[in-house]
């Protein structure tokens, strides 16, 4: 549903007000008996601070005469100054100063509208009623736009507020549940009975939110979802004249947006705005389809069973459901066709497998098949998506690798990754031969040992120590092996490592190689020429070729950030590694 145009509320230049003021200046002030002033059917319902105004009149007198319309001998009607007249009655005065003129109904209601619009913060509902009274008296929207200074669209939007039910008007005037925007949305529901149902729902929502009224966006979406219904998605035949005999087909219904001028701003001309009639047709259609399904040998799910099948927040069935809807897409199919298209021919003779159910939210009638039978049915229909999927994945991987191999930037990055792995593996190998003092000195030069954390997403590769096993082994590790683990952690998480792999800076890796007696340039040549093919210490015998090429995986994957909430991180006696100075210094 399109967002309604909110009527203009800011002060605008009103040519009609100037005309009214000019007219009053030509009239003499006379004293009129208050009992001769007739009460008209004023659309204005709020008259605040009458007692305060009466006190002011008592003190200073009536500073401005009221403006009256002469109805006949001894009969008058208020054009402007209703509050002043009420204040005079409150003071029990018998006469009031006034300017009087003979004017026709059209001019009377137009001048009365202009007078109310000049008040401070006139209520939008009263303004809308003023526009209607003027139009009933013969004014056109264009004439009112000219005299009030408002746009034609603003006046038309204001008039839509008059579609509110009596309850809606009370709530809007009270200002506790409806704003001008939400009131316009509610007013678009054609049935006042349905409006009251929706208003009751708004009251429940507001009560749950400490009296806070729902937002205009929420109201719009809720009305659009439940009260502005797309006939192209109807769970019944909109063309049928017999589902609900009094209603007839939807094409000629006055409550279809394409047939109601009030919804000229709605782009979709095929929207039903009568939710009650929609439900009646939906129910009637379900009863017909249910009877036909039973006659053909299909089973029909009860309402409570259907509620367990469908996703209440969207399309399709629930993940834990025992059924699959034929309207759902088969995601194991590379073309993601729907089951109806894939299994249509097979199910023609298998009525025992097809069950009918009604979606509890949309009312749509769905055909279901048991989830456990889907795989077999697909094979019967000649679809083997597991094999086709594997072939498609292999072809995609081959294509990807071919494109990566032709990309010099990717190849350079992969070369640096291989070099980095070789360096890491050789550092660990070298650290195992160093004394405890040497390792401690190295750590002290590079990191402040505060807290060591292990991530809960350890690599599941052959030869690596699982997290739980590592937890149990840490307390009994020899000092040098524990320090080797700290060295590996420090190197693995150092930002300089990523700088090297990305090709932005090799200072960290070069300094690391020097600290452990390695020739980085030589390692780079070895990897580039493919000479380094022997597994390094720690590499499993059945490791992939990428690991065998001098790339022994670390036995754990440290995590140098605080764990996410709920993670199973381990905190050891020594903790998180924090750099003291420039990262990568040795």
Foldseek 3Di string as FASTA:
>chain_A
DDQADAFDQDADDFQLQVVVVVVQVVFDKDKAFLVQEDEDPQLDDDQPDLVVVLVVCVVPNDPDFFEWEDPDVSHIYGQADPSVSSSCVVVVHGITIYTYDHDAQLSSLLSSLLRQSPDPPRQLLSNLVSLVSNVVRPDDLVNSCNRRVTDSSSNLLSVLLVLADPVLVVCSVVVQADDSSLSSLLSLQNDNVVSVVVVVVQVVVCVVVVSDGDDSVVSNVVCCQQFWAAPVPQLAQQQACPLPVVQGHQPPGCQQQLNDPSNVVPPDRGIGRHNVVSVSSLVSRVVVVVVVLVVVPAAEDDPVLLQQFPDPVDDWGDPPHQKGWQQAFDVLDPVRHGNCVQQVVVCPPVRHQWYWYARPRRSHITIIGGPVCSVVSNVVSVDDSVVVVVVVVVVVVVVVVVVLVVDVLSVLLLLLVLLLLLLLLVLLVLLLVDDLVLLVVVLVQWWDWAAWKAFQDWDPDPLADHPVRCVVCVVVDPSSNNSSVVVSQLSLPFPLSVCRSNPNDNLLVCQSCVSRVHDSVVSSVCSVVQVQQAAGPRADPPDDSSCSSSRHDDNGHTDQDDDDPPTPMDIDPIGHIGTDDPHSHD
